[in-house]
Amino acid sequence: MRYLGIDYGSQKVGLAFLDETATIASPYSVWPNDNNLIRRLCELCRDRAIAGVVLDESLDYRRTLNAVMKQIHHFRDEFANTICLSVILHDEMLLSAEARRVAGHTREVDARVASLIL
């Protein structure tokens, strides 16, 4: 079963795939967070036969919701209702720092974070 990992941001969204054996997560791409995002993600899920989606859960150090998390909840609800797939939240605390340690400050960091989420 293939899964799609999403690192949601207000301006851009990192994407990654988990292979069918659930052993290797690979960065895929970074897309703009625009009015076409959900439509494009639905097409990607259909084309790649995605079984489920893992979406970042953005909490602060006190483990409470931050401003981005409110956007993530709205996105999750809209996306899950559109695609009819399970959308699971996974804690992403410190994953951006880990991705930057490996990839530097490049455009690909968001896709690397999505792979770490998986």
PDB file of N, CA and C in Angstrom:
ATOM      1  N   MET A   1       0.836  -1.169   0.000  1.00  0.00           N
ATOM      2  CA  MET A   1       0.000   0.000   0.000  1.00  0.00           C
ATOM      3  C   MET A   1       0.888   1.241   0.000  1.00  0.00           C
ATOM      4  N   ARG A   2       0.639   2.120  -0.929  1.00  0.00           N
ATOM      5  CA  ARG A   2       1.418   3.360  -1.021  1.00  0.00           C
ATOM      6  C   ARG A   2       0.756   4.474  -0.223  1.00  0.00           C
ATOM      7  N   TYR A   3       1.588   5.253   0.439  1.00  0.00           N
ATOM      8  CA  TYR A   3       1.111   6.400   1.199  1.00  0.00           C
ATOM      9  C   TYR A   3       1.772   7.669   0.684  1.00  0.00           C
ATOM     10  N   LEU A   4       1.042   8.759   0.814  1.00  0.00           N
ATOM     11  CA  LEU A   4       1.543  10.072   0.469  1.00  0.00           C
ATOM     12  C   LEU A   4       1.779  10.838   1.756  1.00  0.00           C
ATOM     13  N   GLY A   5       2.970  11.401   1.913  1.00  0.00           N
ATOM     14  CA  GLY A   5       3.284  12.256   3.043  1.00  0.00           C
ATOM     15  C   GLY A   5       3.186  13.709   2.610  1.00  0.00           C
ATOM     16  N   ILE A   6       2.582  14.538   3.447  1.00  0.00           N
ATOM     17  CA  ILE A   6       2.420  15.957   3.129  1.00  0.00           C
ATOM     18  C   ILE A   6       2.943  16.803   4.279  1.00  0.00           C
ATOM     19  N   ASP A   7       3.883  17.690   3.948  1.00  0.00           N
ATOM     20  CA  ASP A   7       4.339  18.717   4.883  1.00  0.00           C
ATOM     21  C   ASP A   7       3.639  19.997   4.471  1.00  0.00           C
ATOM     22  N   TYR A   8       2.581  20.349   5.174  1.00  0.00           N
ATOM     23  CA  TYR A   8       1.730  21.478   4.800  1.00  0.00           C
ATOM     24  C   TYR A   8       2.324  22.793   5.280  1.00  0.00           C
ATOM     25  N   GLY A   9       2.351  23.756   4.384  1.00  0.00           N
ATOM     26  CA  GLY A   9       2.749  25.105   4.732  1.00  0.00           C
ATOM     27  C   GLY A   9       1.799  26.090   4.082  1.00  0.00           C
ATOM     28  N   SER A  10       1.720  27.281   4.614  1.00  0.00           N
ATOM     29  CA  SER A  10       0.766  28.257   4.088  1.00  0.00           C
ATOM     30  C   SER A  10       1.129  28.711   2.676  1.00  0.00           C
ATOM     31  N   GLN A  11       2.398  28.590   2.272  1.00  0.00           N
ATOM     32  CA  GLN A  11       2.795  28.998   0.926  1.00  0.00           C
ATOM     33  C   GLN A  11       3.199  27.840   0.034  1.00  0.00           C
ATOM     34  N   LYS A  12       3.768  26.786   0.623  1.00  0.00           N
ATOM     35  CA  LYS A  12       4.182  25.629  -0.177  1.00  0.00           C
ATOM     36  C   LYS A  12       3.965  24.345   0.606  1.00  0.00           C
ATOM     37  N   VAL A  13       3.891  23.249  -0.147  1.00  0.00           N
ATOM     38  CA  VAL A  13       3.564  21.948   0.423  1.00  0.00           C
ATOM     39  C   VAL A  13       4.586  20.935  -0.071  1.00  0.00           C
ATOM     40  N   GLY A  14       5.245  20.266   0.870  1.00  0.00           N
ATOM     41  CA  GLY A  14       6.196  19.219   0.514  1.00  0.00           C
ATOM     42  C   GLY A  14       5.491  17.880   0.411  1.00  0.00           C
ATOM     43  N   LEU A  15       5.913  17.085  -0.571  1.00  0.00           N
ATOM     44  CA  LEU A  15       5.275  15.791  -0.821  1.00  0.00           C
ATOM     45  C   LEU A  15       6.324  14.682  -0.866  1.00  0.00           C
ATOM     46  N   ALA A  16       5.930  13.512  -0.380  1.00  0.00           N
ATOM     47  CA  ALA A  16       6.802  12.336  -0.417  1.00  0.00           C
ATOM     48  C   ALA A  16       5.927  11.094  -0.542  1.00  0.00           C
ATOM     49  N   PHE A  17       6.544  10.016  -1.013  1.00  0.00           N
ATOM     50  CA  PHE A  17       5.840   8.740  -1.137  1.00  0.00           C
ATOM     51  C   PHE A  17       6.501   7.678  -0.281  1.00  0.00           C
ATOM     52  N   LEU A  18       5.685   6.810   0.293  1.00  0.00           N
ATOM     53  CA  LEU A  18       6.154   5.615   0.975  1.00  0.00           C
ATOM     54  C   LEU A  18       5.945   4.452   0.013  1.00  0.00           C
ATOM     55  N   ASP A  19       6.972   3.637  -0.170  1.00  0.00           N
ATOM     56  CA  ASP A  19       6.864   2.549  -1.139  1.00  0.00           C
ATOM     57  C   ASP A  19       5.866   1.482  -0.688  1.00  0.00           C
ATOM     58  N   GLU A  20       5.574   0.546  -1.588  1.00  0.00           N
ATOM     59  CA  GLU A  20       4.554  -0.475  -1.332  1.00  0.00           C
ATOM     60  C   GLU A  20       4.896  -1.380  -0.163  1.00  0.00           C
ATOM     61  N   THR A  21       6.185  -1.525   0.140  1.00  0.00           N
ATOM     62  CA  THR A  21       6.593  -2.395   1.243  1.00  0.00           C
ATOM     63  C   THR A  21       6.638  -1.649   2.578  1.00  0.00           C
ATOM     64  N   ALA A  22       6.331  -0.361   2.552  1.00  0.00           N
ATOM     65  CA  ALA A  22       6.330   0.498   3.738  1.00  0.00           C
ATOM     66  C   ALA A  22       7.692   0.549   4.420  1.00  0.00           C
ATOM     67  N   THR A  23       8.759   0.542   3.612  1.00  0.00           N
ATOM     68  CA  THR A  23      10.108   0.604   4.174  1.00  0.00           C
ATOM     69  C   THR A  23      10.887   1.844   3.753  1.00  0.00           C
ATOM     70  N   ILE A  24      10.586   2.398   2.588  1.00  0.00           N
ATOM     71  CA  ILE A  24      11.366   3.529   2.093  1.00  0.00           C
ATOM     72  C   ILE A  24      10.445   4.695   1.753  1.00  0.00           C
ATOM     73  N   ALA A  25      10.719   5.827   2.380  1.00  0.00           N
ATOM     74  CA  ALA A  25       9.999   7.061   2.069  1.00  0.00           C
ATOM     75  C   ALA A  25      10.937   7.943   1.258  1.00  0.00           C
ATOM     76  N   SER A  26      10.438   8.432   0.133  1.00  0.00           N
ATOM     77  CA  SER A  26      11.259   9.236  -0.768  1.00  0.00           C
ATOM     78  C   SER A  26      10.622  10.592  -1.017  1.00  0.00           C
ATOM     79  N   PRO A  27      11.428  11.665  -0.912  1.00  0.00           N
ATOM     80  CA  PRO A  27      10.905  12.993  -1.264  1.00  0.00           C
ATOM     81  C   PRO A  27      10.431  12.984  -2.713  1.00  0.00           C
ATOM     82  N   TYR A  28       9.351  13.676  -2.978  1.00  0.00           N
ATOM     83  CA  TYR A  28       8.809  13.726  -4.336  1.00  0.00           C
ATOM     84  C   TYR A  28       8.902  15.126  -4.938  1.00  0.00           C
ATOM     85  N   SER A  29       8.250  16.094  -4.321  1.00  0.00           N
ATOM     86  CA  SER A  29       8.186  17.422  -4.919  1.00  0.00           C
ATOM     87  C   SER A  29       7.721  18.443  -3.892  1.00  0.00           C
ATOM     88  N   VAL A  30       7.849  19.709  -4.258  1.00  0.00           N
ATOM     89  CA  VAL A  30       7.290  20.806  -3.479  1.00  0.00           C
ATOM     90  C   VAL A  30       6.346  21.576  -4.390  1.00  0.00           C
ATOM     91  N   TRP A  31       5.101  21.721  -3.957  1.00  0.00           N
ATOM     92  CA  TRP A  31       4.087  22.400  -4.767  1.00  0.00           C
ATOM     93  C   TRP A  31       3.648  23.684  -4.073  1.00  0.00           C
ATOM     94  N   PRO A  32       3.221  24.655  -4.858  1.00  0.00           N
ATOM     95  CA  PRO A  32       2.666  25.864  -4.239  1.00  0.00           C
ATOM     96  C   PRO A  32       1.330  25.549  -3.572  1.00  0.00           C
ATOM     97  N   ASN A  33       1.069  26.194  -2.463  1.00  0.00           N
ATOM     98  CA  ASN A  33      -0.219  26.056  -1.792  1.00  0.00           C
ATOM     99  C   ASN A  33      -1.143  27.113  -2.396  1.00  0.00           C
ATOM    100  N   ASP A  34      -1.843  26.702  -3.431  1.00  0.00           N
ATOM    101  CA  ASP A  34      -2.718  27.626  -4.144  1.00  0.00           C
ATOM    102  C   ASP A  34      -4.112  27.023  -4.294  1.00  0.00           C
ATOM    103  N   ASN A  35      -4.956  27.669  -5.064  1.00  0.00           N
ATOM    104  CA  ASN A  35      -6.339  27.214  -5.235  1.00  0.00           C
ATOM    105  C   ASN A  35      -6.455  25.877  -5.958  1.00  0.00           C
ATOM    106  N   ASN A  36      -5.386  25.420  -6.599  1.00  0.00           N
ATOM    107  CA  ASN A  36      -5.410  24.151  -7.324  1.00  0.00           C
ATOM    108  C   ASN A  36      -4.839  22.989  -6.520  1.00  0.00           C
ATOM    109  N   LEU A  37      -4.399  23.233  -5.297  1.00  0.00           N
ATOM    110  CA  LEU A  37      -3.683  22.212  -4.533  1.00  0.00           C
ATOM    111  C   LEU A  37      -4.503  20.946  -4.335  1.00  0.00           C
ATOM    112  N   ILE A  38      -5.708  21.056  -3.837  1.00  0.00           N
ATOM    113  CA  ILE A  38      -6.496  19.851  -3.553  1.00  0.00           C
ATOM    114  C   ILE A  38      -6.801  19.089  -4.836  1.00  0.00           C
ATOM    115  N   ARG A  39      -7.155  19.788  -5.902  1.00  0.00           N
ATOM    116  CA  ARG A  39      -7.414  19.112  -7.175  1.00  0.00           C
ATOM    117  C   ARG A  39      -6.174  18.351  -7.647  1.00  0.00           C
ATOM    118  N   ARG A  40      -5.010  19.001  -7.580  1.00  0.00           N
ATOM    119  CA  ARG A  40      -3.765  18.361  -8.015  1.00  0.00           C
ATOM    120  C   ARG A  40      -3.410  17.166  -7.131  1.00  0.00           C
ATOM    121  N   LEU A  41      -3.627  17.300  -5.826  1.00  0.00           N
ATOM    122  CA  LEU A  41      -3.344  16.188  -4.919  1.00  0.00           C
ATOM    123  C   LEU A  41      -4.277  15.011  -5.175  1.00  0.00           C
ATOM    124  N   CYS A  42      -5.538  15.285  -5.461  1.00  0.00           N
ATOM    125  CA  CYS A  42      -6.482  14.208  -5.783  1.00  0.00           C
ATOM    126  C   CYS A  42      -6.046  13.465  -7.041  1.00  0.00           C
ATOM    127  N   GLU A  43      -5.617  14.199  -8.051  1.00  0.00           N
ATOM    128  CA  GLU A  43      -5.115  13.570  -9.280  1.00  0.00           C
ATOM    129  C   GLU A  43      -3.884  12.723  -8.990  1.00  0.00           C
ATOM    130  N   LEU A  44      -2.975  13.245  -8.183  1.00  0.00           N
ATOM    131  CA  LEU A  44      -1.767  12.509  -7.828  1.00  0.00           C
ATOM    132  C   LEU A  44      -2.117  11.222  -7.087  1.00  0.00           C
ATOM    133  N   CYS A  45      -3.043  11.303  -6.142  1.00  0.00           N
ATOM    134  CA  CYS A  45      -3.450  10.119  -5.387  1.00  0.00           C
ATOM    135  C   CYS A  45      -4.076   9.064  -6.288  1.00  0.00           C
ATOM    136  N   ARG A  46      -4.892   9.497  -7.242  1.00  0.00           N
ATOM    137  CA  ARG A  46      -5.491   8.535  -8.185  1.00  0.00           C
ATOM    138  C   ARG A  46      -4.422   7.928  -9.094  1.00  0.00           C
ATOM    139  N   ASP A  47      -3.531   8.766  -9.633  1.00  0.00           N
ATOM    140  CA  ASP A  47      -2.501   8.286 -10.556  1.00  0.00           C
ATOM    141  C   ASP A  47      -1.526   7.326  -9.888  1.00  0.00           C
ATOM    142  N   ARG A  48      -1.226   7.560  -8.629  1.00  0.00           N
ATOM    143  CA  ARG A  48      -0.234   6.746  -7.908  1.00  0.00           C
ATOM    144  C   ARG A  48      -0.864   5.668  -7.031  1.00  0.00           C
ATOM    145  N   ALA A  49      -2.173   5.503  -7.103  1.00  0.00           N
ATOM    146  CA  ALA A  49      -2.899   4.491  -6.312  1.00  0.00           C
ATOM    147  C   ALA A  49      -2.560   4.603  -4.823  1.00  0.00           C
ATOM    148  N   ILE A  50      -2.725   5.799  -4.299  1.00  0.00           N
ATOM    149  CA  ILE A  50      -2.420   6.066  -2.900  1.00  0.00           C
ATOM    150  C   ILE A  50      -3.522   5.491  -2.008  1.00  0.00           C
ATOM    151  N   ALA A  51      -3.111   4.782  -0.953  1.00  0.00           N
ATOM    152  CA  ALA A  51      -4.066   4.156  -0.041  1.00  0.00           C
ATOM    153  C   ALA A  51      -4.392   5.031   1.157  1.00  0.00           C
ATOM    154  N   GLY A  52      -3.496   5.953   1.502  1.00  0.00           N
ATOM    155  CA  GLY A  52      -3.717   6.826   2.645  1.00  0.00           C
ATOM    156  C   GLY A  52      -2.733   7.984   2.631  1.00  0.00           C
ATOM    157  N   VAL A  53      -3.018   8.973   3.441  1.00  0.00           N
ATOM    158  CA  VAL A  53      -2.215  10.190   3.482  1.00  0.00           C
ATOM    159  C   VAL A  53      -1.795  10.449   4.921  1.00  0.00           C
ATOM    160  N   VAL A  54      -0.525  10.823   5.090  1.00  0.00           N
ATOM    161  CA  VAL A  54      -0.006  11.211   6.398  1.00  0.00           C
ATOM    162  C   VAL A  54       0.346  12.693   6.302  1.00  0.00           C
ATOM    163  N   LEU A  55      -0.286  13.484   7.142  1.00  0.00           N
ATOM    164  CA  LEU A  55      -0.164  14.937   7.115  1.00  0.00           C
ATOM    165  C   LEU A  55       0.509  15.401   8.399  1.00  0.00           C
ATOM    166  N   ASP A  56       1.381  16.415   8.262  1.00  0.00           N
ATOM    167  CA  ASP A  56       2.090  16.899   9.439  1.00  0.00           C
ATOM    168  C   ASP A  56       1.158  17.531  10.454  1.00  0.00           C
ATOM    169  N   GLU A  57       1.481  17.303  11.721  1.00  0.00           N
ATOM    170  CA  GLU A  57       0.764  17.928  12.822  1.00  0.00           C
ATOM    171  C   GLU A  57       1.731  18.942  13.426  1.00  0.00           C
ATOM    172  N   SER A  58       1.385  20.196  13.328  1.00  0.00           N
ATOM    173  CA  SER A  58       2.272  21.277  13.749  1.00  0.00           C
ATOM    174  C   SER A  58       1.853  21.811  15.106  1.00  0.00           C
ATOM    175  N   LEU A  59       2.596  21.417  16.128  1.00  0.00           N
ATOM    176  CA  LEU A  59       2.318  21.863  17.487  1.00  0.00           C
ATOM    177  C   LEU A  59       3.508  22.665  18.006  1.00  0.00           C
ATOM    178  N   ASP A  60       3.259  23.519  18.985  1.00  0.00           N
ATOM    179  CA  ASP A  60       4.379  24.254  19.568  1.00  0.00           C
ATOM    180  C   ASP A  60       5.043  23.385  20.642  1.00  0.00           C
ATOM    181  N   TYR A  61       6.066  23.924  21.296  1.00  0.00           N
ATOM    182  CA  TYR A  61       6.812  23.128  22.274  1.00  0.00           C
ATOM    183  C   TYR A  61       6.010  22.756  23.517  1.00  0.00           C
ATOM    184  N   ARG A  62       4.895  23.442  23.739  1.00  0.00           N
ATOM    185  CA  ARG A  62       3.998  23.079  24.839  1.00  0.00           C
ATOM    186  C   ARG A  62       2.970  22.054  24.389  1.00  0.00           C
ATOM    187  N   ARG A  63       3.081  21.606  23.123  1.00  0.00           N
ATOM    188  CA  ARG A  63       2.193  20.598  22.540  1.00  0.00           C
ATOM    189  C   ARG A  63       0.785  21.136  22.341  1.00  0.00           C
ATOM    190  N   THR A  64       0.658  22.439  22.061  1.00  0.00           N
ATOM    191  CA  THR A  64      -0.631  23.047  21.786  1.00  0.00           C
ATOM    192  C   THR A  64      -0.681  23.497  20.334  1.00  0.00           C
ATOM    193  N   LEU A  65      -1.894  23.682  19.836  1.00  0.00           N
ATOM    194  CA  LEU A  65      -2.086  24.091  18.447  1.00  0.00           C
ATOM    195  C   LEU A  65      -1.473  25.462  18.196  1.00  0.00           C
ATOM    196  N   ASN A  66      -0.861  25.612  17.033  1.00  0.00           N
ATOM    197  CA  ASN A  66      -0.377  26.925  16.631  1.00  0.00           C
ATOM    198  C   ASN A  66      -1.201  27.401  15.435  1.00  0.00           C
ATOM    199  N   ALA A  67      -0.883  28.572  14.902  1.00  0.00           N
ATOM    200  CA  ALA A  67      -1.678  29.158  13.813  1.00  0.00           C
ATOM    201  C   ALA A  67      -1.715  28.263  12.575  1.00  0.00           C
ATOM    202  N   VAL A  68      -0.599  27.635  12.245  1.00  0.00           N
ATOM    203  CA  VAL A  68      -0.555  26.772  11.063  1.00  0.00           C
ATOM    204  C   VAL A  68      -1.438  25.548  11.257  1.00  0.00           C
ATOM    205  N   MET A  69      -1.522  25.047  12.483  1.00  0.00           N
ATOM    206  CA  MET A  69      -2.317  23.845  12.729  1.00  0.00           C
ATOM    207  C   MET A  69      -3.788  24.080  12.446  1.00  0.00           C
ATOM    208  N   LYS A  70      -4.272  25.275  12.670  1.00  0.00           N
ATOM    209  CA  LYS A  70      -5.662  25.586  12.341  1.00  0.00           C
ATOM    210  C   LYS A  70      -5.880  25.475  10.828  1.00  0.00           C
ATOM    211  N   GLN A  71      -4.911  25.928  10.043  1.00  0.00           N
ATOM    212  CA  GLN A  71      -4.979  25.794   8.585  1.00  0.00           C
ATOM    213  C   GLN A  71      -4.894  24.325   8.186  1.00  0.00           C
ATOM    214  N   ILE A  72      -4.040  23.571   8.874  1.00  0.00           N
ATOM    215  CA  ILE A  72      -3.885  22.143   8.566  1.00  0.00           C
ATOM    216  C   ILE A  72      -5.194  21.401   8.810  1.00  0.00           C
ATOM    217  N   HIS A  73      -5.875  21.689   9.916  1.00  0.00           N
ATOM    218  CA  HIS A  73      -7.159  21.032  10.185  1.00  0.00           C
ATOM    219  C   HIS A  73      -8.174  21.327   9.085  1.00  0.00           C
ATOM    220  N   HIS A  74      -8.244  22.572   8.662  1.00  0.00           N
ATOM    221  CA  HIS A  74      -9.157  22.944   7.583  1.00  0.00           C
ATOM    222  C   HIS A  74      -8.779  22.206   6.295  1.00  0.00           C
ATOM    223  N   PHE A  75      -7.504  22.200   5.946  1.00  0.00           N
ATOM    224  CA  PHE A  75      -7.031  21.496   4.754  1.00  0.00           C
ATOM    225  C   PHE A  75      -7.341  20.005   4.846  1.00  0.00           C
ATOM    226  N   ARG A  76      -7.036  19.392   5.993  1.00  0.00           N
ATOM    227  CA  ARG A  76      -7.282  17.959   6.174  1.00  0.00           C
ATOM    228  C   ARG A  76      -8.748  17.621   5.949  1.00  0.00           C
ATOM    229  N   ASP A  77      -9.631  18.384   6.539  1.00  0.00           N
ATOM    230  CA  ASP A  77     -11.059  18.110   6.401  1.00  0.00           C
ATOM    231  C   ASP A  77     -11.516  18.242   4.950  1.00  0.00           C
ATOM    232  N   GLU A  78     -11.108  19.306   4.292  1.00  0.00           N
ATOM    233  CA  GLU A  78     -11.503  19.524   2.894  1.00  0.00           C
ATOM    234  C   GLU A  78     -10.918  18.450   1.979  1.00  0.00           C
ATOM    235  N   PHE A  79      -9.625  18.140   2.171  1.00  0.00           N
ATOM    236  CA  PHE A  79      -8.960  17.138   1.332  1.00  0.00           C
ATOM    237  C   PHE A  79      -9.551  15.743   1.562  1.00  0.00           C
ATOM    238  N   ALA A  80      -9.737  15.345   2.804  1.00  0.00           N
ATOM    239  CA  ALA A  80     -10.280  14.014   3.112  1.00  0.00           C
ATOM    240  C   ALA A  80     -11.684  13.851   2.551  1.00  0.00           C
ATOM    241  N   ASN A  81     -12.498  14.883   2.629  1.00  0.00           N
ATOM    242  CA  ASN A  81     -13.856  14.805   2.081  1.00  0.00           C
ATOM    243  C   ASN A  81     -13.848  14.728   0.560  1.00  0.00           C
ATOM    244  N   THR A  82     -12.862  15.337  -0.072  1.00  0.00           N
ATOM    245  CA  THR A  82     -12.785  15.334  -1.530  1.00  0.00           C
ATOM    246  C   THR A  82     -12.257  14.012  -2.062  1.00  0.00           C
ATOM    247  N   ILE A  83     -11.214  13.485  -1.445  1.00  0.00           N
ATOM    248  CA  ILE A  83     -10.537  12.296  -1.978  1.00  0.00           C
ATOM    249  C   ILE A  83     -11.076  10.993  -1.385  1.00  0.00           C
ATOM    250  N   CYS A  84     -11.770  11.061  -0.253  1.00  0.00           N
ATOM    251  CA  CYS A  84     -12.325   9.871   0.412  1.00  0.00           C
ATOM    252  C   CYS A  84     -11.227   8.874   0.791  1.00  0.00           C
ATOM    253  N   LEU A  85     -10.117   9.394   1.311  1.00  0.00           N
ATOM    254  CA  LEU A  85      -9.034   8.568   1.839  1.00  0.00           C
ATOM    255  C   LEU A  85      -8.809   8.943   3.297  1.00  0.00           C
ATOM    256  N   SER A  86      -8.214   8.040   4.016  1.00  0.00           N
ATOM    257  CA  SER A  86      -7.828   8.326   5.381  1.00  0.00           C
ATOM    258  C   SER A  86      -6.682   9.343   5.370  1.00  0.00           C
ATOM    259  N   VAL A  87      -6.806  10.389   6.177  1.00  0.00           N
ATOM    260  CA  VAL A  87      -5.742  11.384   6.329  1.00  0.00           C
ATOM    261  C   VAL A  87      -5.352  11.391   7.803  1.00  0.00           C
ATOM    262  N   ILE A  88      -4.177  10.876   8.075  1.00  0.00           N
ATOM    263  CA  ILE A  88      -3.675  10.701   9.431  1.00  0.00           C
ATOM    264  C   ILE A  88      -2.732  11.847   9.767  1.00  0.00           C
ATOM    265  N   LEU A  89      -2.836  12.387  10.962  1.00  0.00           N
ATOM    266  CA  LEU A  89      -1.905  13.415  11.416  1.00  0.00           C
ATOM    267  C   LEU A  89      -0.722  12.766  12.135  1.00  0.00           C
ATOM    268  N   HIS A  90       0.482  13.301  11.875  1.00  0.00           N
ATOM    269  CA  HIS A  90       1.688  12.799  12.532  1.00  0.00           C
ATOM    270  C   HIS A  90       2.520  13.981  13.003  1.00  0.00           C
ATOM    271  N   ASP A  91       2.985  13.910  14.224  1.00  0.00           N
ATOM    272  CA  ASP A  91       3.781  14.978  14.814  1.00  0.00           C
ATOM    273  C   ASP A  91       5.043  15.238  13.984  1.00  0.00           C
ATOM    274  N   GLU A  92       5.263  16.505  13.637  1.00  0.00           N
ATOM    275  CA  GLU A  92       6.428  16.867  12.832  1.00  0.00           C
ATOM    276  C   GLU A  92       7.445  17.682  13.613  1.00  0.00           C
ATOM    277  N   MET A  93       7.334  17.692  14.931  1.00  0.00           N
ATOM    278  CA  MET A  93       8.231  18.511  15.737  1.00  0.00           C
ATOM    279  C   MET A  93       9.692  18.170  15.446  1.00  0.00           C
ATOM    280  N   LEU A  94      10.457  19.186  15.128  1.00  0.00           N
ATOM    281  CA  LEU A  94      11.891  19.135  14.859  1.00  0.00           C
ATOM    282  C   LEU A  94      12.264  18.448  13.544  1.00  0.00           C
ATOM    283  N   LEU A  95      11.293  18.007  12.763  1.00  0.00           N
ATOM    284  CA  LEU A  95      11.631  17.367  11.493  1.00  0.00           C
ATOM    285  C   LEU A  95      12.188  18.356  10.477  1.00  0.00           C
ATOM    286  N   SER A  96      11.742  19.596  10.516  1.00  0.00           N
ATOM    287  CA  SER A  96      12.295  20.601   9.599  1.00  0.00           C
ATOM    288  C   SER A  96      13.777  20.817   9.885  1.00  0.00           C
ATOM    289  N   ALA A  97      14.136  20.865  11.147  1.00  0.00           N
ATOM    290  CA  ALA A  97      15.545  21.027  11.512  1.00  0.00           C
ATOM    291  C   ALA A  97      16.364  19.833  11.035  1.00  0.00           C
ATOM    292  N   GLU A  98      15.819  18.634  11.181  1.00  0.00           N
ATOM    293  CA  GLU A  98      16.517  17.430  10.716  1.00  0.00           C
ATOM    294  C   GLU A  98      16.682  17.443   9.196  1.00  0.00           C
ATOM    295  N   ALA A  99      15.628  17.835   8.482  1.00  0.00           N
ATOM    296  CA  ALA A  99      15.699  17.883   7.014  1.00  0.00           C
ATOM    297  C   ALA A  99      16.725  18.925   6.560  1.00  0.00           C
ATOM    298  N   ARG A 100      16.781  20.074   7.235  1.00  0.00           N
ATOM    299  CA  ARG A 100      17.769  21.102   6.880  1.00  0.00           C
ATOM    300  C   ARG A 100      19.182  20.632   7.167  1.00  0.00           C
ATOM    301  N   ARG A 101      19.345  19.829   8.199  1.00  0.00           N
ATOM    302  CA  ARG A 101      20.658  19.279   8.528  1.00  0.00           C
ATOM    303  C   ARG A 101      21.159  18.391   7.397  1.00  0.00           C
ATOM    304  N   VAL A 102      20.270  17.653   6.789  1.00  0.00           N
ATOM    305  CA  VAL A 102      20.632  16.734   5.711  1.00  0.00           C
ATOM    306  C   VAL A 102      20.703  17.443   4.362  1.00  0.00           C
ATOM    307  N   ALA A 103      19.719  18.292   4.057  1.00  0.00           N
ATOM    308  CA  ALA A 103      19.595  18.870   2.712  1.00  0.00           C
ATOM    309  C   ALA A 103      20.026  20.328   2.620  1.00  0.00           C
ATOM    310  N   GLY A 104      20.291  20.963   3.753  1.00  0.00           N
ATOM    311  CA  GLY A 104      20.583  22.386   3.714  1.00  0.00           C
ATOM    312  C   GLY A 104      19.301  23.181   3.545  1.00  0.00           C
ATOM    313  N   HIS A 105      19.457  24.456   3.284  1.00  0.00           N
ATOM    314  CA  HIS A 105      18.295  25.340   3.104  1.00  0.00           C
ATOM    315  C   HIS A 105      17.942  25.411   1.619  1.00  0.00           C
ATOM    316  N   THR A 106      17.397  24.324   1.108  1.00  0.00           N
ATOM    317  CA  THR A 106      17.026  24.264  -0.301  1.00  0.00           C
ATOM    318  C   THR A 106      15.521  24.143  -0.426  1.00  0.00           C
ATOM    319  N   ARG A 107      15.056  24.273  -1.652  1.00  0.00           N
ATOM    320  CA  ARG A 107      13.625  24.120  -1.924  1.00  0.00           C
ATOM    321  C   ARG A 107      13.147  22.710  -1.577  1.00  0.00           C
ATOM    322  N   GLU A 108      14.036  21.747  -1.624  1.00  0.00           N
ATOM    323  CA  GLU A 108      13.679  20.349  -1.393  1.00  0.00           C
ATOM    324  C   GLU A 108      13.438  20.011   0.080  1.00  0.00           C
ATOM    325  N   VAL A 109      13.727  20.937   0.977  1.00  0.00           N
ATOM    326  CA  VAL A 109      13.573  20.640   2.407  1.00  0.00           C
ATOM    327  C   VAL A 109      12.150  20.210   2.730  1.00  0.00           C
ATOM    328  N   ASP A 110      11.154  20.862   2.171  1.00  0.00           N
ATOM    329  CA  ASP A 110       9.769  20.511   2.482  1.00  0.00           C
ATOM    330  C   ASP A 110       9.422  19.094   2.037  1.00  0.00           C
ATOM    331  N   ALA A 111       9.950  18.656   0.897  1.00  0.00           N
ATOM    332  CA  ALA A 111       9.720  17.278   0.445  1.00  0.00           C
ATOM    333  C   ALA A 111      10.453  16.296   1.355  1.00  0.00           C
ATOM    334  N   ARG A 112      11.631  16.679   1.832  1.00  0.00           N
ATOM    335  CA  ARG A 112      12.354  15.819   2.775  1.00  0.00           C
ATOM    336  C   ARG A 112      11.609  15.699   4.103  1.00  0.00           C
ATOM    337  N   VAL A 113      11.024  16.798   4.564  1.00  0.00           N
ATOM    338  CA  VAL A 113      10.213  16.744   5.785  1.00  0.00           C
ATOM    339  C   VAL A 113       9.039  15.792   5.575  1.00  0.00           C
ATOM    340  N   ALA A 114       8.405  15.864   4.418  1.00  0.00           N
ATOM    341  CA  ALA A 114       7.283  14.958   4.125  1.00  0.00           C
ATOM    342  C   ALA A 114       7.731  13.506   4.174  1.00  0.00           C
ATOM    343  N   SER A 115       8.953  13.219   3.697  1.00  0.00           N
ATOM    344  CA  SER A 115       9.440  11.837   3.762  1.00  0.00           C
ATOM    345  C   SER A 115       9.724  11.423   5.200  1.00  0.00           C
ATOM    346  N   LEU A 116      10.211  12.344   6.020  1.00  0.00           N
ATOM    347  CA  LEU A 116      10.436  12.032   7.437  1.00  0.00           C
ATOM    348  C   LEU A 116       9.121  11.826   8.187  1.00  0.00           C
ATOM    349  N   ILE A 117       8.077  12.513   7.785  1.00  0.00           N
ATOM    350  CA  ILE A 117       6.748  12.335   8.384  1.00  0.00           C
ATOM    351  C   ILE A 117       6.267  10.906   8.164  1.00  0.00           C
ATOM    352  N   LEU A 118       6.570  10.375   6.982  1.00  0.00           N
ATOM    353  CA  LEU A 118       6.151   9.003   6.681  1.00  0.00           C
ATOM    354  C   LEU A 118       6.943   8.003   7.500  1.00  0.00           C
TER     355      LEU A 118
END
